[in-house]
Amino acid sequence: MTTPMTSPKTVVVAATLDTKEKEALFVRDCIAAWGLNTILVDAGILGQPTITPDISRAEVAQAGGSSIEQLARQPKGAAIAGQGDGLGRVVQRLQAEGKLDGIIGLGGGQGTAICTAAMRQLPLGVPKLMLSTVASGLFQFGPYVGSKDICMMFSVTDIAGLNVISRPILVNAANAIAGMVTGRQPGQTSTKPAVALTMLGITTPGAMAIKAGLEAAGFEVVVFHAAGPGGAAMEALIEAGTFSGVVDLSLHELTNDLCGGLVGVPDRLGALSRRQLPAVVSVGGMDILAFASLDKAPEQYRTNPYVVHNAQITHIQAGPDEMRAAGQAMAARLNWAQGPVIVMIPHHGYSEFNRAGRALWGAAGNQALLDALQTDLRPEIPVVLVEAHINDPAFAAIATESMIALIRGETPKTLAAKFRHS
């Protein structure tokens, strides 16, 4: 009996070929040495390559509803956005046709913006690698990576020739994407319903107890680090219909968005207004503002109690005014939720440092947030005050039981009556 032959997998190599031609060809040939197919795409706008790619820049522009001539006449930012949109449509089509098993981009600032815009259009799990001159230093990676699994690799030198420094780095990049593609296993579809859960370092004990309880009940739990990109990724996946429920334990990103902290997410809780999903929502980390350091925080927060979390982040206590505003924003967003929602408030503290006797305990701020929720939430969304800290096993048990009950069809009001005096 003979084993059926399988076609080699395909890697898309994208670059602006008027300036990155030699490097792109070098990377393409390194990938081909693995026995993989390649598709070379020219993502440039100005200039002319001296080689013929598999997909030209004109085809990319046309996919985005424009032409190279039109893009060349536009302001640079608009042209880059247009070509990024066109490349995104090209790679989506290739992936749908079974002609894209992974993608690598090479670029400076312009090429990185175009290539990563396209990568963000591909599903999670498809290997994506961006070799970039701006993948280090003070550049913010959020606009490039978004909520997708894009691997950013620093090129060290400019991508402007093959030399003793650039050559091994290009080889490493080619081997990295080839290894991801050849080593990729077929996706294993779980038969268990999935529940999203948000966690921070300062809410980890509570989150891990909830995770264990839900897993014991037969659910697959997907944990998101609620430090900016994590919350944004969860919101996108909720909207895509990925989950059967969500335990949004840690809403740190909402307060930080309102107050200009490092980890703010503008549309936090927004997906619940666009997808009918059972939700248990709490206030983990809403008492804390994250800044790079005390001296880099806005002046009005510099006299607040604080804790240095690590070399990159200092936790500053949110005062009653900030907590009240956060509660009002939380209520306003939850009032648009389509599915059943219950809000769980841990009376003894909202984070590990927000506990009686700890550095960031703030009873007045906690009460201000609670008052705003009780005042502003619509009657169908009950607030349950639990006599526990957010990291206590008792709170985790109630949150877990509530999530399971909501998924099984119990109403928030019934649950609230059950736990009212917990």
Protein backbone atom coordinates (compact mmCIF):
# COMPACT_ATOMS: atom_id res chain seq x y z
CA MET A 1 0.00 0.00 0.00
CA THR A 2 1.44 3.37 -0.99
CA THR A 3 1.14 6.52 1.12
CA PRO A 4 -0.53 9.42 -0.72
CA MET A 5 1.84 12.23 -1.59
CA THR A 6 1.14 15.52 0.14
CA SER A 7 1.92 18.84 -1.48
CA PRO A 8 4.63 20.98 0.14
CA LYS A 9 3.38 23.80 2.28
CA THR A 10 3.65 27.38 1.06
CA VAL A 11 5.22 30.44 2.67
CA VAL A 12 4.39 33.93 1.43
CA VAL A 13 7.38 36.30 1.38
CA ALA A 14 6.31 39.96 1.36
CA ALA A 15 8.55 43.01 0.99
CA THR A 16 8.88 46.31 -0.86
CA LEU A 17 11.02 44.91 -3.66
CA ASP A 18 12.34 48.22 -4.97
CA THR A 19 14.52 48.45 -1.84
CA LYS A 20 14.44 44.94 -0.31
CA GLU A 21 14.83 42.83 -3.46
CA LYS A 22 18.12 41.02 -2.68
CA GLU A 23 17.15 40.30 0.89
CA ALA A 24 13.70 38.99 -0.08
CA LEU A 25 15.20 36.68 -2.71
CA PHE A 26 17.76 35.44 -0.21
CA VAL A 27 15.06 34.67 2.37
CA ARG A 28 12.86 33.06 -0.29
CA ASP A 29 15.70 30.74 -1.35
CA CYS A 30 16.47 29.80 2.26
CA ILE A 31 12.83 28.85 2.78
CA ALA A 32 12.74 26.89 -0.48
CA ALA A 33 15.75 24.89 0.75
CA TRP A 34 13.41 23.38 3.31
CA GLY A 35 11.36 21.89 0.46
CA LEU A 36 8.63 24.49 0.84
CA ASN A 37 6.82 26.39 -1.88
CA THR A 38 7.09 30.17 -1.81
CA ILE A 39 5.06 33.07 -3.18
CA LEU A 40 6.98 36.33 -3.49
CA VAL A 41 4.79 39.43 -3.14
CA ASP A 42 5.86 42.99 -3.89
CA ALA A 43 4.20 45.28 -1.34
CA GLY A 44 5.94 48.45 -2.51
CA ILE A 45 4.42 51.67 -3.83
CA LEU A 46 7.21 53.80 -5.30
CA GLY A 47 10.18 52.68 -7.38
CA GLN A 48 10.44 49.64 -9.60
CA PRO A 49 11.91 46.22 -8.78
CA THR A 50 14.28 44.60 -11.25
CA ILE A 51 12.71 41.16 -10.78
CA THR A 52 9.25 39.83 -11.48
CA PRO A 53 7.47 38.74 -8.28
CA ASP A 54 4.75 36.13 -8.16
CA ILE A 55 2.30 38.88 -7.18
CA SER A 56 3.07 42.43 -8.24
CA ARG A 57 2.53 45.70 -6.40
CA ALA A 58 -0.05 46.63 -9.00
CA GLU A 59 -2.05 43.48 -8.15
CA VAL A 60 -1.79 44.31 -4.46
CA ALA A 61 -3.06 47.86 -5.03
CA GLN A 62 -5.89 46.59 -7.21
CA ALA A 63 -6.94 44.14 -4.48
CA GLY A 64 -7.31 47.16 -2.21
CA GLY A 65 -9.53 48.93 -4.72
CA SER A 66 -6.93 51.34 -6.06
CA SER A 67 -3.95 51.48 -8.41
CA ILE A 68 -0.26 52.11 -7.93
CA GLU A 69 -0.60 55.40 -9.78
CA GLN A 70 -3.39 56.55 -7.44
CA LEU A 71 -1.51 55.47 -4.32
CA ALA A 72 1.64 57.26 -5.47
CA ARG A 73 -0.29 60.54 -5.58
CA GLN A 74 -1.71 60.17 -2.07
CA PRO A 75 -0.08 61.31 1.19
CA LYS A 76 2.36 58.70 2.44
CA GLY A 77 0.23 57.55 5.36
CA ALA A 78 -2.85 57.04 3.19
CA ALA A 79 -0.82 55.20 0.55
CA ILE A 80 0.67 52.85 3.13
CA ALA A 81 -2.79 52.16 4.59
CA GLY A 82 -4.17 51.45 1.11
CA GLN A 83 -1.40 49.04 0.18
CA GLY A 84 -1.70 47.34 3.58
CA ASP A 85 -5.40 46.80 2.92
CA GLY A 86 -4.64 45.39 -0.53
CA LEU A 87 -1.99 43.03 0.79
CA GLY A 88 -4.41 41.91 3.50
CA ARG A 89 -6.97 40.96 0.87
CA VAL A 90 -4.30 39.14 -1.15
CA VAL A 91 -3.12 37.00 1.76
CA GLN A 92 -6.70 36.26 2.85
CA ARG A 93 -7.43 34.98 -0.66
CA LEU A 94 -4.25 32.88 -0.74
CA GLN A 95 -5.05 31.37 2.65
CA ALA A 96 -8.62 30.57 1.58
CA GLU A 97 -7.25 28.87 -1.55
CA GLY A 98 -4.84 26.74 0.48
CA LYS A 99 -1.81 28.62 -0.83
CA LEU A 100 -0.63 30.19 2.41
CA ASP A 101 0.61 28.16 5.38
CA GLY A 102 2.73 30.96 6.79
CA ILE A 103 3.95 34.46 5.98
CA ILE A 104 7.15 36.42 6.50
CA GLY A 105 7.58 40.14 5.92
CA LEU A 106 10.78 42.17 5.60
CA GLY A 107 10.74 45.91 6.06
CA GLY A 108 11.56 49.20 7.65
CA GLY A 109 8.86 51.50 8.97
CA GLN A 110 6.79 51.51 5.77
CA GLY A 111 7.19 47.83 4.99
CA THR A 112 6.45 46.85 8.59
CA ALA A 113 3.22 48.85 8.56
CA ILE A 114 2.08 47.30 5.25
CA CYS A 115 3.06 43.71 6.04
CA THR A 116 1.71 43.60 9.59
CA ALA A 117 -1.57 45.18 8.47
CA ALA A 118 -1.94 42.19 6.17
CA MET A 119 -0.86 39.68 8.82
CA ARG A 120 -3.56 40.97 11.15
CA GLN A 121 -6.16 39.81 8.61
CA LEU A 122 -5.07 36.17 8.96
CA PRO A 123 -6.50 33.76 11.54
CA LEU A 124 -4.80 33.02 14.83
CA GLY A 125 -2.45 30.07 14.52
CA VAL A 126 -1.24 30.85 10.99
CA PRO A 127 2.54 31.47 11.40
CA LYS A 128 3.38 35.16 10.98
CA LEU A 129 6.88 36.63 11.27
CA MET A 130 7.95 40.24 10.65
CA LEU A 131 11.67 40.94 10.29
CA SER A 132 11.81 44.66 10.96
CA THR A 133 14.21 47.50 11.56
CA VAL A 134 11.76 49.00 14.07
CA ALA A 135 11.23 45.91 16.23
CA SER A 136 13.22 47.40 19.10
CA GLY A 137 13.91 50.67 20.87
CA LEU A 138 11.11 53.01 21.89
CA PHE A 139 8.71 52.01 19.12
CA GLN A 140 5.29 50.81 20.26
CA PHE A 141 4.50 47.36 18.87
CA GLY A 142 0.76 47.50 19.58
CA PRO A 143 -0.18 49.19 16.29
CA TYR A 144 1.76 46.54 14.37
CA VAL A 145 0.75 43.42 16.28
CA GLY A 146 -2.76 44.33 17.39
CA SER A 147 -4.46 41.29 18.92
CA LYS A 148 -2.87 38.76 16.54
CA ASP A 149 0.00 36.30 17.04
CA ILE A 150 2.63 38.15 15.01
CA CYS A 151 6.25 37.41 15.85
CA MET A 152 8.36 40.59 15.60
CA MET A 153 12.11 40.06 14.98
CA PHE A 154 14.67 42.87 15.07
CA SER A 155 16.88 43.00 11.97
CA VAL A 156 19.71 44.83 13.85
CA THR A 157 21.04 46.34 10.61
CA ASP A 158 18.94 48.06 8.01
CA ILE A 159 17.56 45.65 5.44
CA ALA A 160 19.83 47.10 2.80
CA GLY A 161 22.23 44.47 1.57
CA LEU A 162 23.72 41.07 2.38
CA ASN A 163 26.69 41.33 4.71
CA VAL A 164 28.44 39.67 7.61
CA ILE A 165 25.78 40.91 10.07
CA SER A 166 22.59 40.76 8.02
CA ARG A 167 23.14 37.40 6.33
CA PRO A 168 22.89 35.16 9.47
CA ILE A 169 19.92 37.18 10.72
CA LEU A 170 18.10 36.69 7.42
CA VAL A 171 18.90 32.97 7.59
CA ASN A 172 17.51 32.81 11.12
CA ALA A 173 14.33 34.57 10.04
CA ALA A 174 13.87 32.20 7.10
CA ASN A 175 14.53 29.17 9.27
CA ALA A 176 12.13 30.48 11.92
CA ILE A 177 9.16 30.78 9.56
CA ALA A 178 10.04 27.52 7.82
CA GLY A 179 10.27 25.75 11.16
CA MET A 180 6.90 27.16 12.26
CA VAL A 181 5.27 26.03 9.03
CA THR A 182 6.84 22.56 8.82
CA GLY A 183 6.42 21.86 12.51
CA ARG A 184 2.82 23.01 12.66
CA GLN A 185 0.42 20.27 13.68
CA PRO A 186 -3.16 20.10 12.40
CA GLY A 187 -5.47 22.05 14.69
CA GLN A 188 -7.14 19.93 17.34
CA THR A 189 -10.76 20.94 17.76
CA SER A 190 -11.92 20.63 21.34
CA THR A 191 -15.40 19.29 22.03
CA LYS A 192 -15.53 21.24 25.29
CA PRO A 193 -17.30 24.61 25.46
CA ALA A 194 -14.79 27.42 25.93
CA VAL A 195 -14.98 30.14 28.57
CA ALA A 196 -12.85 33.31 28.49
CA LEU A 197 -11.25 34.50 31.73
CA THR A 198 -9.22 37.65 32.42
CA MET A 199 -6.29 37.62 34.83
CA LEU A 200 -3.58 39.93 36.15
CA GLY A 201 -0.61 39.15 38.36
CA ILE A 202 -2.56 40.87 41.15
CA THR A 203 -5.65 38.69 40.56
CA THR A 204 -3.87 35.43 39.73
CA PRO A 205 -4.90 33.34 42.79
CA GLY A 206 -8.58 34.08 42.19
CA ALA A 207 -8.37 33.54 38.46
CA MET A 208 -6.54 30.24 38.78
CA ALA A 209 -9.14 28.96 41.25
CA ILE A 210 -11.92 29.91 38.83
CA LYS A 211 -10.05 28.22 35.99
CA ALA A 212 -9.68 25.01 38.00
CA GLY A 213 -13.36 25.04 38.94
CA LEU A 214 -14.58 25.54 35.38
CA GLU A 215 -12.24 22.88 34.03
CA ALA A 216 -13.50 20.43 36.64
CA ALA A 217 -17.01 21.17 35.35
CA GLY A 218 -16.02 20.23 31.80
CA PHE A 219 -15.17 23.62 30.28
CA GLU A 220 -12.05 24.66 28.40
CA VAL A 221 -10.79 27.93 29.89
CA VAL A 222 -8.92 30.49 27.79
CA VAL A 223 -7.05 32.93 30.04
CA PHE A 224 -6.19 36.47 28.85
CA HIS A 225 -3.62 38.71 30.53
CA ALA A 226 -5.63 41.89 31.00
CA ALA A 227 -2.71 44.24 30.39
CA GLY A 228 -3.80 45.88 27.13
CA PRO A 229 -3.36 43.51 24.19
CA GLY A 230 -4.88 40.61 26.16
CA GLY A 231 -8.17 42.33 26.82
CA ALA A 232 -8.35 43.61 23.26
CA ALA A 233 -7.74 40.11 21.91
CA MET A 234 -10.47 38.67 24.12
CA GLU A 235 -12.95 41.32 22.96
CA ALA A 236 -12.23 40.43 19.32
CA LEU A 237 -12.65 36.70 19.98
CA ILE A 238 -15.90 37.27 21.89
CA GLU A 239 -17.25 39.17 18.93
CA ALA A 240 -16.16 36.33 16.64
CA GLY A 241 -18.36 33.92 18.63
CA THR A 242 -15.52 31.87 20.10
CA PHE A 243 -16.81 31.43 23.64
CA SER A 244 -19.78 30.02 25.53
CA GLY A 245 -19.28 32.48 28.37
CA VAL A 246 -16.86 34.95 29.92
CA VAL A 247 -15.65 35.55 33.46
CA ASP A 248 -14.29 39.07 33.13
CA LEU A 249 -12.57 39.05 36.49
CA SER A 250 -9.98 41.75 35.76
CA LEU A 251 -11.08 45.09 34.29
CA HIS A 252 -7.78 46.90 34.91
CA GLU A 253 -7.77 48.04 31.27
CA LEU A 254 -10.99 50.03 31.61
CA THR A 255 -9.77 52.28 34.44
CA ASN A 256 -6.43 52.75 32.70
CA ASP A 257 -8.11 53.77 29.47
CA LEU A 258 -10.08 56.46 31.30
CA CYS A 259 -7.03 57.77 33.18
CA GLY A 260 -4.32 57.51 30.54
CA GLY A 261 -2.54 54.48 31.99
CA LEU A 262 -0.23 52.22 30.03
CA VAL A 263 -2.66 49.35 29.56
CA GLY A 264 -5.91 51.03 28.52
CA VAL A 265 -8.28 49.38 26.04
CA PRO A 266 -10.86 51.84 24.59
CA ASP A 267 -13.63 49.36 23.77
CA ARG A 268 -13.39 47.23 26.89
CA LEU A 269 -16.72 45.39 27.51
CA GLY A 270 -17.90 46.52 24.09
CA ALA A 271 -18.11 43.04 22.58
CA LEU A 272 -20.89 42.10 25.03
CA SER A 273 -23.09 44.70 23.31
CA ARG A 274 -22.54 42.99 19.96
CA ARG A 275 -22.69 39.32 20.97
CA GLN A 276 -25.21 37.56 23.19
CA LEU A 277 -22.95 35.89 25.75
CA PRO A 278 -23.40 34.97 29.43
CA ALA A 279 -21.00 37.05 31.51
CA VAL A 280 -19.81 37.16 35.10
CA VAL A 281 -18.08 40.52 35.50
CA SER A 282 -15.95 41.72 38.41
CA VAL A 283 -13.63 44.60 39.24
CA GLY A 284 -10.16 43.04 39.47
CA GLY A 285 -7.38 45.62 39.22
CA MET A 286 -9.78 48.53 38.65
CA ASP A 287 -8.22 50.18 41.72
CA ILE A 288 -4.81 50.49 40.04
CA LEU A 289 -3.33 52.77 37.38
CA ALA A 290 -0.26 51.50 35.55
CA PHE A 291 2.53 53.88 34.54
CA ALA A 292 6.17 53.37 33.56
CA SER A 293 7.26 55.04 36.82
CA LEU A 294 5.99 57.52 39.37
CA ASP A 295 7.73 60.46 37.70
CA LYS A 296 6.17 59.55 34.33
CA ALA A 297 2.64 59.51 35.71
CA PRO A 298 0.39 62.57 35.31
CA GLU A 299 1.10 65.05 38.09
CA GLN A 300 -2.28 64.60 39.78
CA TYR A 301 -1.47 60.95 40.56
CA ARG A 302 2.08 61.36 41.90
CA THR A 303 1.02 61.85 45.53
CA ASN A 304 -1.19 58.71 45.52
CA PRO A 305 0.02 55.53 47.23
CA TYR A 306 2.00 53.33 44.84
CA VAL A 307 3.89 50.06 44.47
CA VAL A 308 6.73 49.43 42.02
CA HIS A 309 5.52 46.30 40.23
CA ASN A 310 8.67 45.81 38.13
CA ALA A 311 11.23 47.85 36.19
CA GLN A 312 8.64 48.73 33.54
CA ILE A 313 5.45 49.30 35.56
CA THR A 314 4.52 51.15 38.72
CA HIS A 315 1.07 50.59 40.22
CA ILE A 316 -0.54 53.80 41.48
CA GLN A 317 -3.73 53.76 43.52
CA ALA A 318 -6.79 55.15 41.76
CA GLY A 319 -8.62 57.61 44.00
CA PRO A 320 -12.38 57.84 44.63
CA ASP A 321 -12.95 60.17 41.66
CA GLU A 322 -11.23 57.80 39.24
CA MET A 323 -13.00 54.78 40.74
CA ARG A 324 -16.39 56.49 40.49
CA ALA A 325 -15.76 57.36 36.84
CA ALA A 326 -14.65 53.80 36.15
CA GLY A 327 -17.81 52.42 37.75
CA GLN A 328 -19.98 54.76 35.70
CA ALA A 329 -18.22 53.75 32.48
CA MET A 330 -18.47 50.08 33.37
CA ALA A 331 -22.21 50.39 34.02
CA ALA A 332 -22.82 52.38 30.84
CA ARG A 333 -21.15 49.69 28.74
CA LEU A 334 -22.73 46.73 30.52
CA ASN A 335 -26.17 48.29 30.11
CA TRP A 336 -25.85 47.57 26.38
CA ALA A 337 -25.02 43.88 26.93
CA GLN A 338 -27.19 41.50 24.91
CA GLY A 339 -26.69 38.42 27.08
CA PRO A 340 -27.29 37.69 30.77
CA VAL A 341 -24.82 39.53 33.04
CA ILE A 342 -24.16 39.42 36.77
CA VAL A 343 -21.65 41.72 38.51
CA MET A 344 -19.68 40.30 41.45
CA ILE A 345 -18.02 42.72 43.88
CA PRO A 346 -15.43 41.36 46.38
CA HIS A 347 -16.07 43.56 49.43
CA HIS A 348 -12.62 42.94 50.96
CA GLY A 349 -10.55 44.12 48.02
CA TYR A 350 -10.14 44.26 44.26
CA SER A 351 -6.48 43.25 43.85
CA GLU A 352 -3.62 41.73 45.85
CA PHE A 353 -2.42 45.14 47.08
CA ASN A 354 -5.99 46.36 47.59
CA ARG A 355 -6.54 44.51 50.82
CA ALA A 356 -6.86 45.80 54.40
CA GLY A 357 -3.36 46.42 55.70
CA ARG A 358 -1.70 46.35 52.26
CA ALA A 359 -0.11 49.28 50.46
CA LEU A 360 -2.98 50.11 48.09
CA TRP A 361 -6.02 49.44 50.25
CA GLY A 362 -8.56 52.16 49.53
CA ALA A 363 -11.96 51.68 51.10
CA ALA A 364 -13.26 55.05 49.84
CA GLY A 365 -12.33 54.32 46.24
CA ASN A 366 -13.79 50.83 46.37
CA GLN A 367 -17.03 52.20 47.75
CA ALA A 368 -17.18 54.91 45.08
CA LEU A 369 -16.98 52.29 42.34
CA LEU A 370 -19.61 50.12 44.04
CA ASP A 371 -21.97 53.08 44.48
CA ALA A 372 -21.69 53.99 40.80
CA LEU A 373 -22.52 50.44 39.73
CA GLN A 374 -25.49 50.13 42.08
CA THR A 375 -26.84 53.48 40.90
CA ASP A 376 -26.24 53.23 37.15
CA LEU A 377 -26.70 49.57 36.16
CA ARG A 378 -30.07 48.67 34.69
CA PRO A 379 -32.24 46.48 36.98
CA GLU A 380 -31.69 43.34 34.88
CA ILE A 381 -27.99 43.36 35.84
CA PRO A 382 -27.74 42.59 39.55
CA VAL A 383 -24.75 43.51 41.71
CA VAL A 384 -23.76 40.86 44.24
CA LEU A 385 -21.55 42.01 47.11
CA VAL A 386 -19.45 39.05 48.30
CA GLU A 387 -17.84 39.20 51.74
CA ALA A 388 -14.45 38.08 50.46
CA HIS A 389 -11.34 39.36 48.71
CA ILE A 390 -11.08 38.83 44.94
CA ASN A 391 -8.30 36.29 45.49
CA ASP A 392 -10.13 34.32 48.19
CA PRO A 393 -11.36 30.79 47.38
CA ALA A 394 -14.88 31.77 48.50
CA PHE A 395 -15.12 34.48 45.84
CA ALA A 396 -13.75 32.15 43.15
CA ALA A 397 -16.30 29.50 44.07
CA ILE A 398 -19.23 31.91 43.70
CA ALA A 399 -17.93 33.31 40.40
CA THR A 400 -17.42 29.79 39.05
CA GLU A 401 -20.85 28.59 40.10
CA SER A 402 -22.43 31.70 38.59
CA MET A 403 -20.72 31.21 35.23
CA ILE A 404 -21.85 27.61 35.01
CA ALA A 405 -25.39 28.53 36.01
CA LEU A 406 -25.67 31.35 33.45
CA ILE A 407 -24.43 29.09 30.65
CA ARG A 408 -27.05 26.52 31.66
CA GLY A 409 -29.82 29.10 31.48
CA GLU A 410 -30.28 30.35 35.02
CA THR A 411 -31.16 34.05 35.22
CA PRO A 412 -28.91 36.67 36.85
CA LYS A 413 -31.69 37.70 39.25
CA THR A 414 -32.13 34.11 40.47
CA LEU A 415 -28.40 33.85 41.07
CA ALA A 416 -28.30 37.21 42.82
CA ALA A 417 -31.01 36.13 45.23
CA LYS A 418 -29.05 32.94 45.96
CA PHE A 419 -25.77 34.73 46.69
CA ARG A 420 -27.09 37.95 48.18
CA HIS A 421 -25.80 37.16 51.64
CA SER A 422 -22.65 35.22 50.70
